[in-house]
N, C-alpha and C. Protein backbone atom coordinates (compact mmCIF):
# COMPACT_ATOMS: atom_id res chain seq x y z
N MET A 1 18.65 -34.55 0.22
CA MET A 1 18.91 -33.24 -0.65
C MET A 1 17.67 -32.39 -0.13
N THR A 2 17.96 -30.99 0.02
CA THR A 2 16.78 -30.20 0.22
C THR A 2 16.26 -29.66 -0.98
N ALA A 3 15.19 -29.54 -1.31
CA ALA A 3 14.36 -29.04 -2.24
C ALA A 3 14.64 -27.36 -2.28
N PRO A 4 14.76 -26.79 -3.43
CA PRO A 4 15.04 -25.37 -3.71
C PRO A 4 14.08 -24.52 -3.15
N ALA A 5 14.08 -23.45 -2.70
CA ALA A 5 13.23 -22.64 -1.90
C ALA A 5 12.62 -22.25 -3.43
N PRO A 6 11.27 -21.86 -3.35
CA PRO A 6 10.47 -21.34 -4.56
C PRO A 6 10.82 -19.62 -4.69
N ALA A 7 10.98 -19.36 -6.14
CA ALA A 7 11.62 -18.07 -6.11
C ALA A 7 10.49 -17.14 -5.89
N LEU A 8 11.15 -16.04 -5.16
CA LEU A 8 10.25 -14.68 -4.76
C LEU A 8 9.57 -14.13 -5.59
N PRO A 9 8.12 -13.56 -5.51
CA PRO A 9 7.60 -13.11 -6.82
C PRO A 9 8.18 -11.58 -7.16
N ARG A 10 7.86 -11.25 -8.19
CA ARG A 10 8.55 -9.74 -8.37
C ARG A 10 6.99 -8.55 -7.83
N VAL A 11 7.66 -7.63 -7.72
CA VAL A 11 6.50 -6.66 -6.67
C VAL A 11 5.59 -6.52 -8.16
N THR A 12 6.18 -6.36 -9.28
CA THR A 12 5.00 -5.64 -10.28
C THR A 12 4.06 -6.97 -10.77
N ASP A 13 4.53 -8.05 -10.35
CA ASP A 13 3.74 -9.22 -10.72
C ASP A 13 2.57 -9.26 -10.01
N LEU A 14 2.49 -8.96 -8.38
CA LEU A 14 1.55 -8.86 -7.93
C LEU A 14 0.53 -7.59 -7.63
N LEU A 15 1.29 -6.02 -7.97
CA LEU A 15 0.39 -5.11 -7.22
C LEU A 15 0.62 -4.34 -8.68
N PRO A 16 -0.73 -3.70 -8.81
CA PRO A 16 -0.82 -2.75 -9.96
C PRO A 16 -0.19 -1.50 -10.27
N HIS A 17 0.53 -1.16 -8.94
CA HIS A 17 1.12 0.23 -8.80
C HIS A 17 2.33 0.24 -9.58
N ARG A 18 2.48 1.32 -9.90
CA ARG A 18 3.92 1.75 -11.49
C ARG A 18 4.32 3.15 -10.74
N TYR A 19 5.32 3.41 -11.31
CA TYR A 19 6.05 4.62 -10.90
C TYR A 19 5.08 5.81 -10.94
N PRO A 20 5.26 6.90 -10.20
CA PRO A 20 5.70 6.93 -8.92
C PRO A 20 5.19 6.47 -7.71
N MET A 21 4.46 5.60 -8.13
CA MET A 21 3.62 5.15 -6.67
C MET A 21 4.01 3.88 -6.24
N LEU A 22 4.54 3.42 -7.03
CA LEU A 22 5.02 1.83 -6.22
C LEU A 22 6.29 1.76 -5.30
N LEU A 23 5.93 1.68 -4.17
CA LEU A 23 6.84 2.22 -2.93
C LEU A 23 7.81 0.71 -2.45
N VAL A 24 7.49 -0.28 -2.99
CA VAL A 24 8.39 -1.58 -2.39
C VAL A 24 9.45 -1.74 -3.62
N ASP A 25 10.54 -1.91 -3.52
CA ASP A 25 11.39 -2.29 -4.52
C ASP A 25 11.58 -4.01 -4.44
N ARG A 26 11.48 -4.70 -3.22
CA ARG A 26 12.12 -6.16 -3.63
C ARG A 26 11.25 -6.83 -2.29
N VAL A 27 10.68 -8.13 -2.74
CA VAL A 27 10.33 -9.20 -1.69
C VAL A 27 11.49 -9.90 -1.05
N THR A 28 11.89 -9.78 -0.03
CA THR A 28 12.89 -10.76 0.70
C THR A 28 12.94 -11.99 1.05
N GLU A 29 11.28 -11.88 1.70
CA GLU A 29 10.80 -13.44 2.31
C GLU A 29 9.56 -13.65 2.30
N LEU A 30 8.82 -14.73 1.96
CA LEU A 30 7.27 -14.49 1.60
C LEU A 30 6.98 -15.90 2.26
N VAL A 31 6.08 -15.86 3.22
CA VAL A 31 5.33 -17.37 3.58
C VAL A 31 3.88 -16.97 3.30
N PRO A 32 3.32 -17.45 2.17
CA PRO A 32 1.77 -17.20 1.78
C PRO A 32 1.11 -17.46 2.98
N GLY A 33 -0.04 -16.16 3.24
CA GLY A 33 -1.02 -16.22 4.48
C GLY A 33 -0.57 -16.62 5.94
N GLU A 34 0.86 -16.04 5.69
CA GLU A 34 1.57 -16.22 7.06
C GLU A 34 2.07 -14.54 6.92
N ARG A 35 3.31 -14.17 6.24
CA ARG A 35 4.25 -13.21 6.38
C ARG A 35 4.94 -12.83 5.26
N ILE A 36 5.35 -11.62 5.06
CA ILE A 36 6.08 -11.12 4.01
C ILE A 36 7.43 -10.07 4.74
N ARG A 37 8.41 -10.06 4.10
CA ARG A 37 9.34 -8.96 3.95
C ARG A 37 9.66 -8.48 3.06
N THR A 38 9.91 -7.33 2.73
CA THR A 38 9.91 -6.56 1.83
C THR A 38 11.20 -5.21 1.92
N VAL A 39 11.57 -4.62 0.87
CA VAL A 39 12.75 -3.26 1.01
C VAL A 39 12.06 -2.89 0.30
N LYS A 40 12.61 -1.33 0.54
CA LYS A 40 12.18 -0.15 0.22
C LYS A 40 13.41 1.00 0.32
N ALA A 41 13.95 1.34 -0.65
CA ALA A 41 15.21 1.94 -0.62
C ALA A 41 14.75 3.75 -0.79
N ILE A 42 15.19 4.40 -0.04
CA ILE A 42 14.82 5.82 0.08
C ILE A 42 15.64 6.71 -0.68
N THR A 43 15.65 7.39 -1.63
CA THR A 43 16.46 8.33 -2.36
C THR A 43 15.84 9.40 -2.62
N LEU A 44 16.92 10.41 -2.83
CA LEU A 44 16.38 11.97 -3.19
C LEU A 44 16.17 11.98 -4.49
N ASN A 45 16.06 10.89 -5.58
CA ASN A 45 15.47 11.02 -6.62
C ASN A 45 14.04 10.92 -6.71
N GLU A 46 13.53 10.60 -5.56
CA GLU A 46 11.94 10.36 -5.49
C GLU A 46 11.09 11.62 -5.72
N PRO A 47 9.82 11.79 -6.54
CA PRO A 47 8.98 12.74 -6.72
C PRO A 47 8.85 13.83 -5.56
N TRP A 48 8.75 13.55 -4.78
CA TRP A 48 7.98 14.33 -3.42
C TRP A 48 9.40 14.81 -2.89
N TYR A 49 10.65 14.53 -3.31
CA TYR A 49 12.01 15.36 -2.95
C TYR A 49 12.11 16.66 -4.01
N ALA A 50 11.33 16.64 -5.00
CA ALA A 50 11.39 17.64 -6.25
C ALA A 50 11.59 18.69 -5.51
N GLY A 51 12.60 19.76 -5.93
CA GLY A 51 12.31 21.34 -5.63
C GLY A 51 12.40 21.80 -4.36
N ILE A 52 12.64 20.55 -3.33
CA ILE A 52 12.79 20.96 -1.99
C ILE A 52 14.18 21.53 -1.62
N SER A 53 13.95 22.93 -0.96
CA SER A 53 15.19 23.72 -0.77
C SER A 53 16.10 23.00 0.70
N PRO A 54 17.45 23.58 -0.03
CA PRO A 54 18.62 22.43 0.76
C PRO A 54 18.51 22.86 2.41
N ASP A 55 17.47 24.16 2.78
CA ASP A 55 17.25 24.18 4.34
C ASP A 55 16.31 23.12 4.94
N LYS A 56 15.45 22.79 4.11
CA LYS A 56 14.19 22.25 4.85
C LYS A 56 14.60 20.44 4.98
N ALA A 57 14.14 20.05 6.16
CA ALA A 57 14.10 18.79 6.60
C ALA A 57 13.95 17.76 5.38
N LEU A 58 14.59 16.53 5.13
CA LEU A 58 14.29 15.50 4.34
C LEU A 58 13.94 14.29 4.83
N ASP A 59 13.11 14.31 5.78
CA ASP A 59 12.31 13.16 6.54
C ASP A 59 11.41 12.82 5.26
N TYR A 60 11.21 11.48 5.46
CA TYR A 60 10.31 10.83 4.33
C TYR A 60 9.22 11.15 4.81
N PRO A 61 7.96 11.63 4.08
CA PRO A 61 6.64 11.58 4.63
C PRO A 61 6.22 10.38 5.25
N PRO A 62 5.74 10.31 6.36
CA PRO A 62 5.09 9.39 7.32
C PRO A 62 4.02 8.70 6.25
N SER A 63 3.27 9.23 5.62
CA SER A 63 2.19 8.96 4.65
C SER A 63 2.56 7.75 3.62
N LEU A 64 3.67 8.12 3.21
CA LEU A 64 4.42 7.20 2.21
C LEU A 64 5.02 6.34 2.86
N LEU A 65 5.72 6.41 4.15
CA LEU A 65 5.91 5.05 4.93
C LEU A 65 4.90 4.29 5.13
N VAL A 66 3.69 4.77 5.64
CA VAL A 66 2.67 3.96 5.69
C VAL A 66 2.21 3.30 4.40
N GLU A 67 1.95 4.15 3.27
CA GLU A 67 1.71 3.36 1.86
C GLU A 67 2.39 2.47 1.73
N SER A 68 3.87 2.59 1.97
CA SER A 68 4.85 1.54 1.43
C SER A 68 4.38 0.20 2.09
N TRP A 69 4.28 0.27 3.64
CA TRP A 69 3.92 -0.77 4.03
C TRP A 69 2.63 -1.41 3.95
N GLY A 70 1.53 -0.79 3.67
CA GLY A 70 0.20 -1.13 3.12
C GLY A 70 0.62 -2.04 1.61
N GLN A 71 1.47 -1.42 1.10
CA GLN A 71 1.80 -1.90 -0.56
C GLN A 71 2.40 -3.46 -0.03
N SER A 72 3.41 -3.66 1.00
CA SER A 72 3.81 -4.91 1.60
C SER A 72 2.64 -5.43 2.08
N ALA A 73 1.66 -5.32 2.51
CA ALA A 73 0.69 -6.01 3.01
C ALA A 73 -0.22 -6.50 1.86
N GLY A 74 -0.56 -5.68 0.82
CA GLY A 74 -1.10 -6.01 -0.24
C GLY A 74 -0.19 -7.00 -1.21
N LEU A 75 0.63 -6.86 -1.19
CA LEU A 75 1.77 -8.24 -1.74
C LEU A 75 1.44 -9.39 -1.15
N LEU A 76 1.56 -9.80 0.10
CA LEU A 76 1.01 -10.79 1.15
C LEU A 76 -0.17 -11.30 0.92
N ALA A 77 -1.16 -10.39 0.84
CA ALA A 77 -2.50 -10.60 0.48
C ALA A 77 -2.72 -11.08 -1.04
N SER A 78 -2.03 -10.89 -1.91
CA SER A 78 -1.93 -10.93 -3.18
C SER A 78 -1.40 -12.78 -3.50
N ALA A 79 -0.50 -12.82 -2.60
CA ALA A 79 0.55 -14.01 -2.99
C ALA A 79 -0.26 -15.53 -2.13
N ILE A 80 -1.28 -15.68 -2.37
CA ILE A 80 -2.14 -16.75 -1.53
C ILE A 80 -1.86 -17.83 -2.66
N ALA A 81 -1.65 -19.03 -2.09
CA ALA A 81 -1.36 -20.40 -2.62
C ALA A 81 -2.29 -20.71 -3.79
N GLU A 82 -3.61 -20.45 -3.49
CA GLU A 82 -4.52 -20.58 -4.83
C GLU A 82 -4.70 -19.30 -5.45
N ALA A 83 -5.21 -19.64 -6.78
CA ALA A 83 -5.31 -18.38 -7.77
C ALA A 83 -6.55 -17.27 -6.94
N PRO A 84 -6.11 -16.03 -6.77
CA PRO A 84 -7.22 -15.14 -6.41
C PRO A 84 -8.49 -15.04 -7.40
N THR A 85 -9.85 -15.13 -7.02
CA THR A 85 -10.93 -15.12 -7.16
C THR A 85 -10.82 -13.87 -8.63
N PRO A 86 -11.15 -14.38 -9.60
CA PRO A 86 -11.05 -13.74 -10.89
C PRO A 86 -12.32 -12.41 -10.41
N GLY A 87 -11.51 -11.14 -11.05
CA GLY A 87 -12.61 -9.97 -10.86
C GLY A 87 -12.72 -9.34 -9.59
N GLN A 88 -11.69 -9.86 -8.65
CA GLN A 88 -11.75 -8.99 -7.08
C GLN A 88 -10.52 -8.07 -7.19
N VAL A 89 -10.95 -6.99 -6.48
CA VAL A 89 -10.06 -5.72 -6.24
C VAL A 89 -9.61 -5.68 -4.98
N MET A 90 -8.67 -5.53 -4.49
CA MET A 90 -8.24 -5.42 -3.34
C MET A 90 -8.22 -3.59 -2.70
N LEU A 91 -8.96 -3.71 -1.75
CA LEU A 91 -9.11 -2.31 -1.15
C LEU A 91 -8.62 -1.72 0.28
N PHE A 92 -7.85 -0.83 0.47
CA PHE A 92 -7.35 -0.56 1.86
C PHE A 92 -8.43 -0.04 2.41
N GLY A 93 -8.47 -0.63 3.88
CA GLY A 93 -9.54 -0.30 4.42
C GLY A 93 -9.36 0.94 5.71
N SER A 94 -8.38 0.26 6.35
CA SER A 94 -8.06 1.22 7.36
C SER A 94 -6.67 1.24 8.01
N VAL A 95 -6.24 1.91 8.74
CA VAL A 95 -4.93 1.58 9.70
C VAL A 95 -5.10 2.14 10.76
N ALA A 96 -4.65 1.50 11.98
CA ALA A 96 -5.01 1.46 13.41
C ALA A 96 -3.59 2.06 13.93
N ASP A 97 -3.38 2.85 14.89
CA ASP A 97 -2.19 2.68 15.66
C ASP A 97 -0.75 3.03 14.95
N ALA A 98 -0.71 3.32 14.26
CA ALA A 98 0.57 3.34 13.10
C ALA A 98 1.62 4.53 14.28
N GLU A 99 2.71 4.10 14.59
CA GLU A 99 3.25 5.00 15.23
C GLU A 99 4.70 5.03 14.94
N PHE A 100 5.37 6.33 14.62
CA PHE A 100 6.53 6.66 14.07
C PHE A 100 7.68 6.79 15.09
N HIS A 101 8.50 6.14 14.95
CA HIS A 101 9.46 6.26 16.24
C HIS A 101 10.84 6.83 15.76
N LEU A 102 11.48 6.77 14.41
CA LEU A 102 12.46 7.55 14.10
C LEU A 102 12.15 7.96 12.67
N PRO A 103 12.85 9.47 12.24
CA PRO A 103 12.76 9.75 10.73
C PRO A 103 13.49 8.72 9.89
N VAL A 104 13.08 8.80 8.76
CA VAL A 104 13.19 7.85 7.67
C VAL A 104 13.89 9.15 6.84
N LEU A 105 15.05 9.05 6.31
CA LEU A 105 15.96 9.74 5.48
C LEU A 105 16.55 9.18 4.31
N PRO A 106 16.56 9.90 3.01
CA PRO A 106 17.14 9.50 1.90
C PRO A 106 18.19 8.86 2.38
N GLY A 107 18.70 7.94 1.39
CA GLY A 107 19.96 6.98 1.81
C GLY A 107 19.58 5.85 2.72
N ASP A 108 18.47 5.88 3.58
CA ASP A 108 18.06 4.37 4.50
C ASP A 108 17.38 3.48 3.41
N VAL A 109 17.66 2.44 3.89
CA VAL A 109 17.06 1.22 3.30
C VAL A 109 16.03 0.73 4.44
N ILE A 110 15.08 0.59 4.15
CA ILE A 110 13.84 0.29 5.11
C ILE A 110 13.41 -1.26 4.82
N GLU A 111 13.23 -2.03 5.94
CA GLU A 111 12.35 -3.25 5.88
C GLU A 111 11.10 -3.44 6.29
N HIS A 112 10.18 -3.62 5.19
CA HIS A 112 8.93 -3.92 5.79
C HIS A 112 8.85 -5.29 6.72
N ARG A 113 7.92 -5.59 7.41
CA ARG A 113 7.66 -6.81 8.26
C ARG A 113 6.24 -6.64 8.40
N VAL A 114 5.55 -7.66 7.75
CA VAL A 114 4.21 -7.76 7.71
C VAL A 114 3.80 -9.17 7.84
N ARG A 115 2.48 -9.09 9.06
CA ARG A 115 2.04 -10.19 9.28
C ARG A 115 0.63 -10.62 9.22
N ILE A 116 0.04 -11.42 8.85
CA ILE A 116 -1.40 -11.97 8.73
C ILE A 116 -1.89 -11.78 10.19
N SER A 117 -2.87 -11.10 10.82
CA SER A 117 -3.32 -11.48 12.43
C SER A 117 -4.49 -12.20 12.08
N ARG A 118 -5.29 -11.79 10.95
CA ARG A 118 -6.74 -12.65 10.98
C ARG A 118 -7.00 -12.06 9.51
N ALA A 119 -7.34 -13.64 8.82
CA ALA A 119 -7.99 -13.65 7.64
C ALA A 119 -9.18 -13.87 7.47
N LEU A 120 -10.00 -13.07 6.67
CA LEU A 120 -12.03 -13.53 6.78
C LEU A 120 -11.91 -13.84 5.18
N THR A 121 -13.37 -14.08 4.93
CA THR A 121 -13.67 -14.29 3.68
C THR A 121 -12.89 -13.35 2.80
N ASP A 122 -13.51 -12.02 2.86
CA ASP A 122 -13.16 -11.01 1.95
C ASP A 122 -12.29 -9.95 2.66
N SER A 123 -11.70 -10.22 3.80
CA SER A 123 -10.98 -9.16 4.42
C SER A 123 -9.93 -9.53 5.13
N VAL A 124 -8.77 -9.15 5.22
CA VAL A 124 -7.31 -9.60 6.12
C VAL A 124 -6.79 -8.50 6.93
N VAL A 125 -6.51 -8.75 8.17
CA VAL A 125 -6.07 -7.77 9.13
C VAL A 125 -4.45 -8.17 9.46
N PHE A 126 -4.03 -6.93 9.17
CA PHE A 126 -2.27 -7.35 9.08
C PHE A 126 -1.58 -6.23 10.15
N GLU A 127 -0.56 -6.77 10.82
CA GLU A 127 0.27 -6.21 12.08
C GLU A 127 1.79 -6.00 11.62
N GLY A 128 2.58 -5.38 11.83
CA GLY A 128 3.73 -5.53 12.12
C GLY A 128 4.86 -4.20 12.05
N SER A 129 6.16 -4.10 11.38
CA SER A 129 6.81 -3.00 11.62
C SER A 129 7.69 -2.69 10.35
N SER A 130 8.62 -1.58 10.60
CA SER A 130 9.63 -1.23 9.80
C SER A 130 10.75 -0.89 10.11
N HIS A 131 11.80 -1.33 9.80
CA HIS A 131 13.16 -1.32 10.25
C HIS A 131 14.10 -0.47 9.53
N ARG A 132 15.23 0.18 10.04
CA ARG A 132 16.52 0.35 9.41
C ARG A 132 17.41 -0.38 10.01
N GLY A 133 17.87 -1.25 9.56
CA GLY A 133 19.10 -1.99 10.22
C GLY A 133 18.41 -2.80 11.50
N ASP A 134 19.04 -2.32 12.42
CA ASP A 134 18.36 -3.05 13.96
C ASP A 134 17.35 -1.90 14.46
N GLU A 135 17.26 -0.74 14.03
CA GLU A 135 16.29 0.00 14.61
C GLU A 135 14.92 -0.15 14.05
N THR A 136 13.75 0.17 14.91
CA THR A 136 12.22 0.00 14.63
C THR A 136 12.13 1.72 14.22
N VAL A 137 11.67 2.06 13.06
CA VAL A 137 11.16 3.27 12.41
C VAL A 137 10.25 3.47 12.91
N MET A 138 9.07 2.50 12.40
CA MET A 138 7.19 2.24 12.37
C MET A 138 6.72 0.98 12.87
N THR A 139 5.82 1.21 13.63
CA THR A 139 5.17 -0.05 14.21
C THR A 139 3.48 0.19 13.68
N VAL A 140 2.75 -0.77 13.20
CA VAL A 140 1.28 -0.80 12.89
C VAL A 140 0.54 -2.03 13.70
N THR A 141 -0.34 -1.55 14.20
CA THR A 141 -1.32 -2.32 15.37
C THR A 141 -2.02 -3.02 14.43
N ARG A 142 -2.42 -2.25 13.15
CA ARG A 142 -3.65 -3.01 12.06
C ARG A 142 -3.82 -2.58 11.37
N MET A 143 -3.99 -3.03 10.10
CA MET A 143 -4.41 -2.49 8.99
C MET A 143 -5.20 -3.63 8.62
N VAL A 144 -6.32 -3.03 7.78
CA VAL A 144 -7.35 -3.94 7.05
C VAL A 144 -7.38 -3.68 5.52
N MET A 145 -7.77 -4.65 5.02
CA MET A 145 -7.66 -4.76 3.49
C MET A 145 -8.65 -5.44 3.16
N ALA A 146 -9.56 -5.25 2.52
CA ALA A 146 -11.21 -5.82 1.97
C ALA A 146 -10.74 -6.36 0.28
N PHE A 147 -11.32 -7.20 -0.12
CA PHE A 147 -11.63 -7.62 -1.44
C PHE A 147 -13.22 -7.50 -1.58
N ARG A 148 -13.24 -7.17 -2.99
CA ARG A 148 -14.77 -6.75 -3.28
C ARG A 148 -14.90 -7.11 -4.88
N PRO A 149 -15.84 -7.22 -5.49
CA PRO A 149 -16.06 -7.88 -6.66
C PRO A 149 -15.81 -6.08 -7.50
N ALA A 150 -15.10 -6.27 -8.88
CA ALA A 150 -14.56 -5.18 -9.48
C ALA A 150 -15.67 -4.66 -9.95
N ASP A 151 -16.66 -5.44 -10.42
CA ASP A 151 -18.03 -5.04 -11.48
C ASP A 151 -19.10 -4.39 -10.59
N LEU A 152 -18.53 -4.29 -8.93
CA LEU A 152 -19.56 -3.59 -8.28
C LEU A 152 -18.94 -2.17 -8.11
N LEU A 153 -17.86 -2.07 -8.27
CA LEU A 153 -17.16 -0.62 -7.93
C LEU A 153 -16.87 0.00 -9.30
N ARG A 154 -17.24 -0.42 -10.25
CA ARG A 154 -17.27 0.66 -11.68
C ARG A 154 -18.60 1.23 -11.70
N PRO A 155 -18.60 2.38 -12.39
CA PRO A 155 -19.46 2.97 -12.50
C PRO A 155 -20.65 2.26 -13.61
N ASP A 156 -22.04 2.13 -13.54
CA ASP A 156 -22.62 2.27 -14.10
C ASP A 156 -23.47 2.56 -15.33
N ASP A 157 -23.13 2.37 -16.66
CA ASP A 157 -23.80 3.29 -17.57
C ASP A 157 -25.07 3.42 -17.66
N THR A 158 -25.94 2.42 -17.05
CA THR A 158 -27.40 2.70 -17.14
C THR A 158 -27.82 3.59 -15.64
N ALA A 159 -26.63 3.98 -15.12
CA ALA A 159 -27.21 4.45 -13.45
C ALA A 159 -27.70 5.74 -13.94
N ALA A 160 -28.20 6.53 -12.89
CA ALA A 160 -29.12 7.61 -13.10
C ALA A 160 -27.70 8.70 -13.95
N PRO A 161 -28.35 9.77 -14.38
CA PRO A 161 -27.76 10.70 -14.98
C PRO A 161 -26.85 11.24 -13.90
N THR A 162 -25.72 12.14 -14.29
CA THR A 162 -25.01 12.99 -13.49
C THR A 162 -25.57 14.19 -13.08
N PRO A 163 -25.62 14.43 -11.63
CA PRO A 163 -26.40 15.67 -11.50
C PRO A 163 -25.84 16.72 -11.48
N THR A 164 -26.96 18.01 -12.03
CA THR A 164 -26.54 19.05 -12.38
C THR A 164 -25.84 20.13 -11.50
N PRO A 165 -24.72 20.90 -11.62
CA PRO A 165 -24.22 21.53 -10.87
C PRO A 165 -25.31 22.56 -10.35
N PRO A 166 -25.12 22.84 -8.97
CA PRO A 166 -26.23 23.91 -8.37
C PRO A 166 -26.28 25.32 -9.41
N SER A 167 -25.08 25.60 -9.93
CA SER A 167 -25.04 27.19 -10.65
C SER A 167 -25.58 26.82 -11.94
N ALA A 168 -26.03 25.70 -12.63
CA ALA A 168 -26.66 25.56 -13.76
C ALA A 168 -28.13 24.97 -13.68
N ALA A 169 -28.45 24.86 -12.32
CA ALA A 169 -29.64 24.03 -12.15
C ALA A 169 -30.69 25.35 -12.84
N PRO A 170 -32.11 24.92 -12.92
CA PRO A 170 -33.05 25.64 -13.49
C PRO A 170 -33.33 26.71 -12.20
N GLY A 171 -33.68 28.02 -12.74
CA GLY A 171 -33.95 28.76 -11.51
C GLY A 171 -32.78 29.28 -10.80
N ARG A 172 -31.85 29.10 -10.61
CA ARG A 172 -30.43 29.47 -10.19
C ARG A 172 -29.37 30.41 -11.14
N GLU A 173 -29.11 31.62 -10.98
CA GLU A 173 -28.38 32.54 -11.76
C GLU A 173 -27.18 32.12 -11.10
N ALA A 174 -26.39 32.01 -12.34
CA ALA A 174 -24.78 31.68 -11.87
C ALA A 174 -24.17 32.74 -11.02
N ILE A 175 -23.09 32.55 -10.19
CA ILE A 175 -22.43 33.16 -9.37
C ILE A 175 -21.03 33.74 -10.17
N ARG A 176 -21.13 35.09 -10.28
CA ARG A 176 -19.72 35.59 -11.06
C ARG A 176 -19.07 36.56 -10.19
């Protein structure tokens, strides 16, 4: 008898994102440390379509398609077998060679396919693609995410005082 497959994680259990910037709806496949498949349904109810005139193109913004794919990569990076190091923050580093093949429109269901191409001590490099059915809508050659200690990213209350704006500095008159 085969053991049941482990339950797939909920997106909100692994990512801090919430509406309106949570751009992944569901995890459909996950092999920790290797690959993930996620789904994003594009709808006219999303805030970036608010107030758009009927004569404008309804193409989903490419920057949001990359963000959605990147959130899928973040899910894969967060779904490691052992517990993540406490106090670590995941940061987007860069994306290279994202190529958009077809427009994505409201009503489309996009499947993101993300693979780890290289994992380092504090960084992960991903590659993959996004699909609408059998059609590839985007490919990503490389995306890098880094993990950094949260306490190094927070402002230190004992740090130097906030600089005075030039218009308020002594010897400078305010511009009116």
